[in-house]
Amino acid sequence: MLRSRKLFSLVGLALLAGSMLSCGPHDSDESFVFVAANLQVPYWQASGAGFKKAGAQFKVRTDFLGPNTYDPKAEREALDQAVQQKATGILLGVTDPALLKDSIDKAIAAGIPVITMDSDAPASKRLFFIGTNNYQVGISGGMRLAQELKGKGNVVFFTMPDQHNMQDRLQGYRDALEHSPGIKITRVVDIQGDPRIAFDTTTQIIGKEKDQVDAFVCLEAQSGKEVAGVLNSYHITGKVVMAMDTDPETLQFIPVSYTHLDVYKRQVMECTVTSWFIFTTSIRKIERRIHPRCSRSCRR
């Protein structure tokens, strides 16, 4: 049923975008900017590649900006730069919604549409959010975790708590695990965008608390490979590892028998081109409401 709903949603979005596109082609002088959370993370690199490909299809200029590490302040500077350059529209992967709110609102006030992706800034004036139902991801993950642990065990979570998507995922896990009172969340670790924290924390746990932790849940993309790598190096067996995304460095551990590595590939990465399609055509529709240049049917 869930798969069917996803399919219908994608079909509906495609039809909506197609109707918008019928209003006419884009101008070659349009410039769209994608501000990502961390340009070194494979998830964002794949999304940026999809963004660039779609820009070429629409024959518009694109720019892929952002910090080379997890740095919300540097991301805000990149966002402000896009506004100063008078981008036609901005796609934004939100790190710290509170920090980025004013810059998002300034872009909107300047007439530059902003759409958030992957993680939202709901208190801002952004037009809308494109991404996964992260709460449902947490629910699904929690159910699978309970199954793997057979209803009993201690769990450590790795996350970045300032991000809205991580908050939703963790809440989903918590709600799902309410049905398994034998499973305890013993620690929630803020990796602060630095995968080395996941590596160091796992190493510490294996050294002092090996028998006290049964599962590791990685709510963001970078910690999964670090946790699995530590367990592999120390030949630790019988632990459950839950990881996000399909980074090659994470996927390499799936065949290893010592652990069960469960990967949830976020649908938004698969649909980057679709997201960009909706993004650009939505902006064109907004522009035509202000400057009518097409038929009556396009302005409905």
C-alpha atoms as a PDB file:
ATOM      1  CA  MET A   1       0.000   0.000   0.000  1.00  0.00           C
ATOM      2  CA  LEU A   2       2.797   2.422   0.898  1.00  0.00           C
ATOM      3  CA  ARG A   3       4.587   1.679  -2.376  1.00  0.00           C
ATOM      4  CA  SER A   4       1.362   2.339  -4.291  1.00  0.00           C
ATOM      5  CA  ARG A   5       0.876   5.673  -2.560  1.00  0.00           C
ATOM      6  CA  LYS A   6       4.448   6.679  -3.452  1.00  0.00           C
ATOM      7  CA  LEU A   7       3.848   5.718  -7.074  1.00  0.00           C
ATOM      8  CA  PHE A   8       0.607   7.688  -7.275  1.00  0.00           C
ATOM      9  CA  SER A   9       2.298  10.676  -5.628  1.00  0.00           C
ATOM     10  CA  LEU A  10       5.141  10.665  -8.169  1.00  0.00           C
ATOM     11  CA  VAL A  11       2.707  10.312 -11.067  1.00  0.00           C
ATOM     12  CA  GLY A  12       0.657  13.192  -9.700  1.00  0.00           C
ATOM     13  CA  LEU A  13       3.730  15.392  -9.318  1.00  0.00           C
ATOM     14  CA  ALA A  14       4.867  14.554 -12.831  1.00  0.00           C
ATOM     15  CA  LEU A  15       1.463  15.469 -14.254  1.00  0.00           C
ATOM     16  CA  LEU A  16       1.423  18.717 -12.282  1.00  0.00           C
ATOM     17  CA  ALA A  17       4.899  19.619 -13.462  1.00  0.00           C
ATOM     18  CA  GLY A  18       4.019  18.702 -17.033  1.00  0.00           C
ATOM     19  CA  SER A  19       1.026  21.025 -17.009  1.00  0.00           C
ATOM     20  CA  MET A  20       3.240  23.833 -15.721  1.00  0.00           C
ATOM     21  CA  LEU A  21       5.864  23.208 -18.374  1.00  0.00           C
ATOM     22  CA  SER A  22       3.295  23.663 -21.097  1.00  0.00           C
ATOM     23  CA  CYS A  23       3.354  27.375 -20.366  1.00  0.00           C
ATOM     24  CA  GLY A  24       6.547  27.714 -22.363  1.00  0.00           C
ATOM     25  CA  PRO A  25      10.338  27.258 -22.347  1.00  0.00           C
ATOM     26  CA  HIS A  26      12.748  28.750 -19.852  1.00  0.00           C
ATOM     27  CA  ASP A  27      14.973  31.686 -20.686  1.00  0.00           C
ATOM     28  CA  SER A  28      18.625  30.874 -21.230  1.00  0.00           C
ATOM     29  CA  ASP A  29      19.659  33.700 -18.904  1.00  0.00           C
ATOM     30  CA  GLU A  30      17.891  32.126 -15.929  1.00  0.00           C
ATOM     31  CA  SER A  31      20.219  31.006 -13.150  1.00  0.00           C
ATOM     32  CA  PHE A  32      19.212  28.422 -10.570  1.00  0.00           C
ATOM     33  CA  VAL A  33      21.317  27.694  -7.493  1.00  0.00           C
ATOM     34  CA  PHE A  34      21.451  24.565  -5.370  1.00  0.00           C
ATOM     35  CA  VAL A  35      22.896  25.249  -1.905  1.00  0.00           C
ATOM     36  CA  ALA A  36      23.814  21.913  -0.326  1.00  0.00           C
ATOM     37  CA  ALA A  37      24.675  21.029   3.258  1.00  0.00           C
ATOM     38  CA  ASN A  38      28.074  19.430   2.553  1.00  0.00           C
ATOM     39  CA  LEU A  39      29.608  19.136  -0.902  1.00  0.00           C
ATOM     40  CA  GLN A  40      31.831  16.223   0.138  1.00  0.00           C
ATOM     41  CA  VAL A  41      28.986  13.878   1.072  1.00  0.00           C
ATOM     42  CA  PRO A  42      28.071  11.417  -1.730  1.00  0.00           C
ATOM     43  CA  TYR A  43      24.350  12.011  -1.196  1.00  0.00           C
ATOM     44  CA  TRP A  44      24.717  15.703  -1.995  1.00  0.00           C
ATOM     45  CA  GLN A  45      27.117  15.013  -4.850  1.00  0.00           C
ATOM     46  CA  ALA A  46      24.542  12.709  -6.456  1.00  0.00           C
ATOM     47  CA  SER A  47      21.833  15.304  -5.943  1.00  0.00           C
ATOM     48  CA  GLY A  48      24.052  18.005  -7.418  1.00  0.00           C
ATOM     49  CA  ALA A  49      24.692  15.843 -10.482  1.00  0.00           C
ATOM     50  CA  GLY A  50      20.955  15.436 -10.982  1.00  0.00           C
ATOM     51  CA  PHE A  51      20.477  19.181 -10.572  1.00  0.00           C
ATOM     52  CA  LYS A  52      23.120  19.926 -13.208  1.00  0.00           C
ATOM     53  CA  LYS A  53      21.663  17.358 -15.614  1.00  0.00           C
ATOM     54  CA  ALA A  54      18.187  18.824 -15.328  1.00  0.00           C
ATOM     55  CA  GLY A  55      19.571  22.326 -15.826  1.00  0.00           C
ATOM     56  CA  ALA A  56      21.129  21.190 -19.092  1.00  0.00           C
ATOM     57  CA  GLN A  57      17.816  19.683 -20.167  1.00  0.00           C
ATOM     58  CA  PHE A  58      16.048  22.981 -19.479  1.00  0.00           C
ATOM     59  CA  LYS A  59      18.924  24.964 -21.031  1.00  0.00           C
ATOM     60  CA  VAL A  60      19.332  27.213 -18.013  1.00  0.00           C
ATOM     61  CA  ARG A  61      22.403  28.063 -15.960  1.00  0.00           C
ATOM     62  CA  THR A  62      22.977  26.216 -12.691  1.00  0.00           C
ATOM     63  CA  ASP A  63      25.354  26.569  -9.776  1.00  0.00           C
ATOM     64  CA  PHE A  64      26.049  24.072  -6.997  1.00  0.00           C
ATOM     65  CA  LEU A  65      27.209  25.823  -3.810  1.00  0.00           C
ATOM     66  CA  GLY A  66      27.852  24.969  -0.188  1.00  0.00           C
ATOM     67  CA  PRO A  67      30.581  24.210   2.352  1.00  0.00           C
ATOM     68  CA  ASN A  68      33.061  21.349   1.995  1.00  0.00           C
ATOM     69  CA  THR A  69      32.265  20.171   5.504  1.00  0.00           C
ATOM     70  CA  TYR A  70      29.324  20.419   7.880  1.00  0.00           C
ATOM     71  CA  ASP A  71      29.246  24.165   8.542  1.00  0.00           C
ATOM     72  CA  PRO A  72      25.803  25.829   8.837  1.00  0.00           C
ATOM     73  CA  LYS A  73      27.318  29.319   8.952  1.00  0.00           C
ATOM     74  CA  ALA A  74      29.232  28.702   5.716  1.00  0.00           C
ATOM     75  CA  GLU A  75      26.037  27.360   4.167  1.00  0.00           C
ATOM     76  CA  ARG A  76      24.256  30.563   5.164  1.00  0.00           C
ATOM     77  CA  GLU A  77      27.004  32.545   3.451  1.00  0.00           C
ATOM     78  CA  ALA A  78      26.509  30.495   0.281  1.00  0.00           C
ATOM     79  CA  LEU A  79      22.772  31.144   0.452  1.00  0.00           C
ATOM     80  CA  ASP A  80      23.345  34.873   0.898  1.00  0.00           C
ATOM     81  CA  GLN A  81      25.740  34.779  -2.055  1.00  0.00           C
ATOM     82  CA  ALA A  82      23.047  33.249  -4.249  1.00  0.00           C
ATOM     83  CA  VAL A  83      20.631  35.994  -3.205  1.00  0.00           C
ATOM     84  CA  GLN A  84      23.215  38.712  -3.919  1.00  0.00           C
ATOM     85  CA  GLN A  85      23.764  37.217  -7.376  1.00  0.00           C
ATOM     86  CA  LYS A  86      19.997  37.489  -7.955  1.00  0.00           C
ATOM     87  CA  ALA A  87      19.417  33.830  -8.684  1.00  0.00           C
ATOM     88  CA  THR A  88      16.191  32.973 -10.472  1.00  0.00           C
ATOM     89  CA  GLY A  89      15.471  30.382  -7.796  1.00  0.00           C
ATOM     90  CA  ILE A  90      17.220  28.520  -4.992  1.00  0.00           C
ATOM     91  CA  LEU A  91      17.037  24.884  -3.912  1.00  0.00           C
ATOM     92  CA  LEU A  92      18.317  24.520  -0.339  1.00  0.00           C
ATOM     93  CA  GLY A  93      19.384  21.532   1.754  1.00  0.00           C
ATOM     94  CA  VAL A  94      18.798  22.852   5.257  1.00  0.00           C
ATOM     95  CA  THR A  95      21.323  22.214   8.028  1.00  0.00           C
ATOM     96  CA  ASP A  96      20.256  24.589  10.826  1.00  0.00           C
ATOM     97  CA  PRO A  97      16.698  25.885  10.213  1.00  0.00           C
ATOM     98  CA  ALA A  98      16.932  28.577  12.884  1.00  0.00           C
ATOM     99  CA  LEU A  99      20.219  29.918  11.517  1.00  0.00           C
ATOM    100  CA  LEU A 100      19.033  29.911   7.891  1.00  0.00           C
ATOM    101  CA  LYS A 101      15.553  31.303   8.478  1.00  0.00           C
ATOM    102  CA  ASP A 102      16.384  35.003   8.067  1.00  0.00           C
ATOM    103  CA  SER A 103      18.397  34.397   4.899  1.00  0.00           C
ATOM    104  CA  ILE A 104      15.558  32.342   3.418  1.00  0.00           C
ATOM    105  CA  ASP A 105      13.065  35.049   4.272  1.00  0.00           C
ATOM    106  CA  LYS A 106      15.301  37.732   2.740  1.00  0.00           C
ATOM    107  CA  ALA A 107      15.472  35.747  -0.481  1.00  0.00           C
ATOM    108  CA  ILE A 108      11.687  35.485  -0.600  1.00  0.00           C
ATOM    109  CA  ALA A 109      11.373  39.217   0.125  1.00  0.00           C
ATOM    110  CA  ALA A 110      13.722  39.868  -2.804  1.00  0.00           C
ATOM    111  CA  GLY A 111      11.421  37.900  -5.084  1.00  0.00           C
ATOM    112  CA  ILE A 112      13.639  34.797  -5.261  1.00  0.00           C
ATOM    113  CA  PRO A 113      11.708  31.562  -4.688  1.00  0.00           C
ATOM    114  CA  VAL A 114      13.331  29.158  -2.214  1.00  0.00           C
ATOM    115  CA  ILE A 115      12.425  25.478  -1.960  1.00  0.00           C
ATOM    116  CA  THR A 116      13.922  23.297   0.766  1.00  0.00           C
ATOM    117  CA  MET A 117      15.101  19.752   0.095  1.00  0.00           C
ATOM    118  CA  ASP A 118      15.895  16.739   2.294  1.00  0.00           C
ATOM    119  CA  SER A 119      15.546  18.745   5.534  1.00  0.00           C
ATOM    120  CA  ASP A 120      13.057  21.547   6.028  1.00  0.00           C
ATOM    121  CA  ALA A 121      12.907  25.000   7.596  1.00  0.00           C
ATOM    122  CA  PRO A 122       9.162  25.085   8.315  1.00  0.00           C
ATOM    123  CA  ALA A 123       9.246  28.336  10.278  1.00  0.00           C
ATOM    124  CA  SER A 124      10.678  30.212   7.280  1.00  0.00           C
ATOM    125  CA  LYS A 125       8.819  31.622   4.284  1.00  0.00           C
ATOM    126  CA  ARG A 126      10.176  28.993   1.887  1.00  0.00           C
ATOM    127  CA  LEU A 127       7.660  28.005  -0.791  1.00  0.00           C
ATOM    128  CA  PHE A 128       7.553  24.299   0.037  1.00  0.00           C
ATOM    129  CA  PHE A 129       9.628  21.252   0.974  1.00  0.00           C
ATOM    130  CA  ILE A 130      10.674  18.349  -1.264  1.00  0.00           C
ATOM    131  CA  GLY A 131      11.799  15.220   0.526  1.00  0.00           C
ATOM    132  CA  THR A 132      11.106  12.001   2.320  1.00  0.00           C
ATOM    133  CA  ASN A 133       8.513  11.486   5.027  1.00  0.00           C
ATOM    134  CA  ASN A 134      11.249  11.220   7.629  1.00  0.00           C
ATOM    135  CA  TYR A 135       8.899  10.341  10.461  1.00  0.00           C
ATOM    136  CA  GLN A 136       7.715   7.324   8.471  1.00  0.00           C
ATOM    137  CA  VAL A 137      11.354   6.394   7.823  1.00  0.00           C
ATOM    138  CA  GLY A 138      11.818   6.309  11.601  1.00  0.00           C
ATOM    139  CA  ILE A 139       8.689   4.226  12.090  1.00  0.00           C
ATOM    140  CA  SER A 140       9.858   1.711   9.459  1.00  0.00           C
ATOM    141  CA  GLY A 141      13.354   1.634  10.904  1.00  0.00           C
ATOM    142  CA  GLY A 142      12.059   1.143  14.441  1.00  0.00           C
ATOM    143  CA  MET A 143       9.895  -1.774  13.379  1.00  0.00           C
ATOM    144  CA  ARG A 144      12.831  -3.421  11.598  1.00  0.00           C
ATOM    145  CA  LEU A 145      15.103  -2.781  14.585  1.00  0.00           C
ATOM    146  CA  ALA A 146      12.619  -4.430  16.936  1.00  0.00           C
ATOM    147  CA  GLN A 147      12.477  -7.409  14.590  1.00  0.00           C
ATOM    148  CA  GLU A 148      16.271  -7.772  14.434  1.00  0.00           C
ATOM    149  CA  LEU A 149      16.673  -7.456  18.209  1.00  0.00           C
ATOM    150  CA  LYS A 150      13.731  -9.761  18.854  1.00  0.00           C
ATOM    151  CA  GLY A 151      12.205  -7.160  21.130  1.00  0.00           C
ATOM    152  CA  LYS A 152      15.111  -6.763  23.553  1.00  0.00           C
ATOM    153  CA  GLY A 153      18.380  -4.821  23.612  1.00  0.00           C
ATOM    154  CA  ASN A 154      20.211  -1.534  24.139  1.00  0.00           C
ATOM    155  CA  VAL A 155      20.586   0.929  21.273  1.00  0.00           C
ATOM    156  CA  VAL A 156      22.893   3.880  20.508  1.00  0.00           C
ATOM    157  CA  PHE A 157      21.757   6.503  17.992  1.00  0.00           C
ATOM    158  CA  PHE A 158      23.979   8.787  15.914  1.00  0.00           C
ATOM    159  CA  THR A 159      22.346  11.963  14.625  1.00  0.00           C
ATOM    160  CA  MET A 160      22.560  15.726  14.114  1.00  0.00           C
ATOM    161  CA  PRO A 161      19.750  16.986  16.351  1.00  0.00           C
ATOM    162  CA  ASP A 162      19.465  20.500  14.920  1.00  0.00           C
ATOM    163  CA  GLN A 163      18.216  19.182  11.566  1.00  0.00           C
ATOM    164  CA  HIS A 164      14.470  18.861  11.157  1.00  0.00           C
ATOM    165  CA  ASN A 165      14.700  15.591   9.219  1.00  0.00           C
ATOM    166  CA  MET A 166      16.794  13.967  11.944  1.00  0.00           C
ATOM    167  CA  GLN A 167      14.308  15.063  14.575  1.00  0.00           C
ATOM    168  CA  ASP A 168      11.485  13.427  12.637  1.00  0.00           C
ATOM    169  CA  ARG A 169      13.438  10.200  12.131  1.00  0.00           C
ATOM    170  CA  LEU A 170      14.331   9.905  15.799  1.00  0.00           C
ATOM    171  CA  GLN A 171      10.744  10.567  16.846  1.00  0.00           C
ATOM    172  CA  GLY A 172       9.590   7.870  14.435  1.00  0.00           C
ATOM    173  CA  TYR A 173      11.996   5.383  15.993  1.00  0.00           C
ATOM    174  CA  ARG A 174      10.900   6.343  19.501  1.00  0.00           C
ATOM    175  CA  ASP A 175       7.234   5.898  18.663  1.00  0.00           C
ATOM    176  CA  ALA A 176       7.809   2.561  16.934  1.00  0.00           C
ATOM    177  CA  LEU A 177       9.880   1.255  19.872  1.00  0.00           C
ATOM    178  CA  GLU A 178       7.131   2.066  22.349  1.00  0.00           C
ATOM    179  CA  HIS A 179       5.673  -1.284  21.307  1.00  0.00           C
ATOM    180  CA  SER A 180       8.921  -3.002  22.365  1.00  0.00           C
ATOM    181  CA  PRO A 181       9.524  -2.027  26.014  1.00  0.00           C
ATOM    182  CA  GLY A 182      12.482  -4.417  26.147  1.00  0.00           C
ATOM    183  CA  ILE A 183      14.460  -2.151  23.775  1.00  0.00           C
ATOM    184  CA  LYS A 184      16.169   0.803  25.444  1.00  0.00           C
ATOM    185  CA  ILE A 185      17.763   3.858  23.816  1.00  0.00           C
ATOM    186  CA  THR A 186      20.834   4.262  25.996  1.00  0.00           C
ATOM    187  CA  ARG A 187      22.530   7.131  24.181  1.00  0.00           C
ATOM    188  CA  VAL A 188      21.865   9.682  21.430  1.00  0.00           C
ATOM    189  CA  VAL A 189      25.146  10.981  20.003  1.00  0.00           C
ATOM    190  CA  ASP A 190      25.405  14.312  18.170  1.00  0.00           C
ATOM    191  CA  ILE A 191      28.115  13.792  15.541  1.00  0.00           C
ATOM    192  CA  GLN A 192      28.096  17.544  14.729  1.00  0.00           C
ATOM    193  CA  GLY A 193      28.610  16.762  11.064  1.00  0.00           C
ATOM    194  CA  ASP A 194      31.915  15.040  11.844  1.00  0.00           C
ATOM    195  CA  PRO A 195      31.989  11.271  11.135  1.00  0.00           C
ATOM    196  CA  ARG A 196      35.077  10.938  13.318  1.00  0.00           C
ATOM    197  CA  ILE A 197      32.817  11.395  16.350  1.00  0.00           C
ATOM    198  CA  ALA A 198      30.897   8.270  15.303  1.00  0.00           C
ATOM    199  CA  PHE A 199      34.196   6.422  14.844  1.00  0.00           C
ATOM    200  CA  ASP A 200      35.588   7.500  18.214  1.00  0.00           C
ATOM    201  CA  THR A 201      32.342   6.840  20.077  1.00  0.00           C
ATOM    202  CA  THR A 202      31.978   3.354  18.604  1.00  0.00           C
ATOM    203  CA  THR A 203      35.614   2.572  19.429  1.00  0.00           C
ATOM    204  CA  GLN A 204      35.014   3.676  23.007  1.00  0.00           C
ATOM    205  CA  ILE A 205      31.875   1.555  23.269  1.00  0.00           C
ATOM    206  CA  ILE A 206      33.629  -1.521  21.903  1.00  0.00           C
ATOM    207  CA  GLY A 207      36.443  -1.006  24.407  1.00  0.00           C
ATOM    208  CA  LYS A 208      34.384  -0.448  27.551  1.00  0.00           C
ATOM    209  CA  GLU A 209      30.723  -1.249  26.858  1.00  0.00           C
ATOM    210  CA  LYS A 210      30.820  -3.984  24.230  1.00  0.00           C
ATOM    211  CA  ASP A 211      28.350  -6.202  26.066  1.00  0.00           C
ATOM    212  CA  GLN A 212      26.054  -3.292  26.951  1.00  0.00           C
ATOM    213  CA  VAL A 213      25.161  -2.179  23.405  1.00  0.00           C
ATOM    214  CA  ASP A 214      23.285  -4.425  20.976  1.00  0.00           C
ATOM    215  CA  ALA A 215      22.530  -2.051  18.100  1.00  0.00           C
ATOM    216  CA  PHE A 216      23.747   1.140  16.463  1.00  0.00           C
ATOM    217  CA  VAL A 217      21.303   3.326  14.526  1.00  0.00           C
ATOM    218  CA  CYS A 218      22.770   5.976  12.213  1.00  0.00           C
ATOM    219  CA  LEU A 219      20.168   8.587  11.309  1.00  0.00           C
ATOM    220  CA  GLU A 220      22.444  10.454   8.890  1.00  0.00           C
ATOM    221  CA  ALA A 221      24.617   9.341   6.006  1.00  0.00           C
ATOM    222  CA  GLN A 222      28.156   9.597   7.355  1.00  0.00           C
ATOM    223  CA  SER A 223      28.215   7.546  10.558  1.00  0.00           C
ATOM    224  CA  GLY A 224      27.091   4.175   9.154  1.00  0.00           C
ATOM    225  CA  LYS A 225      30.394   3.375   7.463  1.00  0.00           C
ATOM    226  CA  GLU A 226      32.325   4.515  10.542  1.00  0.00           C
ATOM    227  CA  VAL A 227      30.382   2.278  12.914  1.00  0.00           C
ATOM    228  CA  ALA A 228      30.532  -0.724  10.604  1.00  0.00           C
ATOM    229  CA  GLY A 229      34.236  -0.117   9.982  1.00  0.00           C
ATOM    230  CA  VAL A 230      35.055  -0.157  13.691  1.00  0.00           C
ATOM    231  CA  LEU A 231      33.065  -3.349  14.280  1.00  0.00           C
ATOM    232  CA  ASN A 232      34.765  -4.970  11.315  1.00  0.00           C
ATOM    233  CA  SER A 233      38.251  -3.943  12.467  1.00  0.00           C
ATOM    234  CA  TYR A 234      37.717  -5.424  15.925  1.00  0.00           C
ATOM    235  CA  HIS A 235      35.958  -8.516  14.563  1.00  0.00           C
ATOM    236  CA  ILE A 236      32.859  -7.789  16.621  1.00  0.00           C
ATOM    237  CA  THR A 237      29.893  -9.997  15.757  1.00  0.00           C
ATOM    238  CA  GLY A 238      26.246 -10.134  16.755  1.00  0.00           C
ATOM    239  CA  LYS A 239      25.560  -6.383  16.559  1.00  0.00           C
ATOM    240  CA  VAL A 240      22.819  -4.714  14.512  1.00  0.00           C
ATOM    241  CA  VAL A 241      23.716  -1.628  12.454  1.00  0.00           C
ATOM    242  CA  MET A 242      21.043   0.522  10.818  1.00  0.00           C
ATOM    243  CA  ALA A 243      22.327   3.066   8.284  1.00  0.00           C
ATOM    244  CA  MET A 244      20.957   5.737   5.953  1.00  0.00           C
ATOM    245  CA  ASP A 245      21.574   6.271   2.233  1.00  0.00           C
ATOM    246  CA  THR A 246      23.498   4.267  -0.336  1.00  0.00           C
ATOM    247  CA  ASP A 247      27.040   5.590  -0.058  1.00  0.00           C
ATOM    248  CA  PRO A 248      29.438   2.991  -1.570  1.00  0.00           C
ATOM    249  CA  GLU A 249      31.540   3.047   1.614  1.00  0.00           C
ATOM    250  CA  THR A 250      28.448   2.023   3.579  1.00  0.00           C
ATOM    251  CA  LEU A 251      27.192  -0.574   1.123  1.00  0.00           C
ATOM    252  CA  GLN A 252      30.502  -2.446   1.157  1.00  0.00           C
ATOM    253  CA  PHE A 253      29.691  -3.804   4.602  1.00  0.00           C
ATOM    254  CA  ILE A 254      26.373  -5.384   3.707  1.00  0.00           C
ATOM    255  CA  PRO A 255      27.790  -8.794   2.660  1.00  0.00           C
ATOM    256  CA  VAL A 256      29.841  -9.094   5.857  1.00  0.00           C
ATOM    257  CA  SER A 257      28.289 -11.739   8.103  1.00  0.00           C
ATOM    258  CA  TYR A 258      29.107 -10.111  11.447  1.00  0.00           C
ATOM    259  CA  THR A 259      26.340  -7.569  11.276  1.00  0.00           C
ATOM    260  CA  HIS A 260      23.021  -6.770   9.707  1.00  0.00           C
ATOM    261  CA  LEU A 261      23.349  -3.463   7.882  1.00  0.00           C
ATOM    262  CA  ASP A 262      19.965  -2.088   6.903  1.00  0.00           C
ATOM    263  CA  VAL A 263      20.064   0.785   4.426  1.00  0.00           C
ATOM    264  CA  TYR A 264      17.136   3.124   3.809  1.00  0.00           C
ATOM    265  CA  LYS A 265      17.714   4.908   0.528  1.00  0.00           C
ATOM    266  CA  ARG A 266      15.976   8.230   0.613  1.00  0.00           C
ATOM    267  CA  GLN A 267      13.619   8.607  -2.287  1.00  0.00           C
ATOM    268  CA  VAL A 268      14.532  12.253  -2.752  1.00  0.00           C
ATOM    269  CA  MET A 269      17.962  11.347  -4.170  1.00  0.00           C
ATOM    270  CA  GLU A 270      16.384   9.055  -6.745  1.00  0.00           C
ATOM    271  CA  CYS A 271      14.010  11.820  -7.767  1.00  0.00           C
ATOM    272  CA  THR A 272      16.408  14.761  -7.900  1.00  0.00           C
ATOM    273  CA  VAL A 273      15.655  15.455 -11.543  1.00  0.00           C
ATOM    274  CA  THR A 274      11.925  15.273 -10.795  1.00  0.00           C
ATOM    275  CA  SER A 275      12.398  17.643  -7.880  1.00  0.00           C
ATOM    276  CA  TRP A 276      14.311  20.056 -10.090  1.00  0.00           C
ATOM    277  CA  PHE A 277      11.597  19.723 -12.741  1.00  0.00           C
ATOM    278  CA  ILE A 278       8.923  20.737 -10.240  1.00  0.00           C
ATOM    279  CA  PHE A 279      11.178  23.435  -8.845  1.00  0.00           C
ATOM    280  CA  THR A 280      11.873  25.219 -12.109  1.00  0.00           C
ATOM    281  CA  THR A 281       8.402  24.874 -13.560  1.00  0.00           C
ATOM    282  CA  SER A 282       6.818  26.059 -10.322  1.00  0.00           C
ATOM    283  CA  ILE A 283       8.920  29.199 -10.484  1.00  0.00           C
ATOM    284  CA  ARG A 284       7.815  29.799 -14.063  1.00  0.00           C
ATOM    285  CA  LYS A 285       4.205  29.493 -12.985  1.00  0.00           C
ATOM    286  CA  ILE A 286       4.745  32.017 -10.186  1.00  0.00           C
ATOM    287  CA  GLU A 287       6.429  34.426 -12.591  1.00  0.00           C
ATOM    288  CA  ARG A 288       3.555  34.188 -15.042  1.00  0.00           C
ATOM    289  CA  ARG A 289       1.058  35.068 -12.330  1.00  0.00           C
ATOM    290  CA  ILE A 290       2.989  38.292 -11.850  1.00  0.00           C
ATOM    291  CA  HIS A 291       3.762  38.884 -15.539  1.00  0.00           C
ATOM    292  CA  PRO A 292       1.064  37.147 -17.621  1.00  0.00           C
ATOM    293  CA  ARG A 293       2.614  36.050 -20.899  1.00  0.00           C
ATOM    294  CA  CYS A 294       0.794  32.837 -21.718  1.00  0.00           C
ATOM    295  CA  SER A 295      -2.697  31.544 -22.386  1.00  0.00           C
ATOM    296  CA  ARG A 296      -5.578  31.685 -19.900  1.00  0.00           C
ATOM    297  CA  SER A 297      -5.261  27.967 -19.186  1.00  0.00           C
ATOM    298  CA  CYS A 298      -1.670  28.491 -17.990  1.00  0.00           C
ATOM    299  CA  ARG A 299      -2.753  31.111 -15.462  1.00  0.00           C
ATOM    300  CA  ARG A 300      -5.446  29.086 -13.722  1.00  0.00           C
END
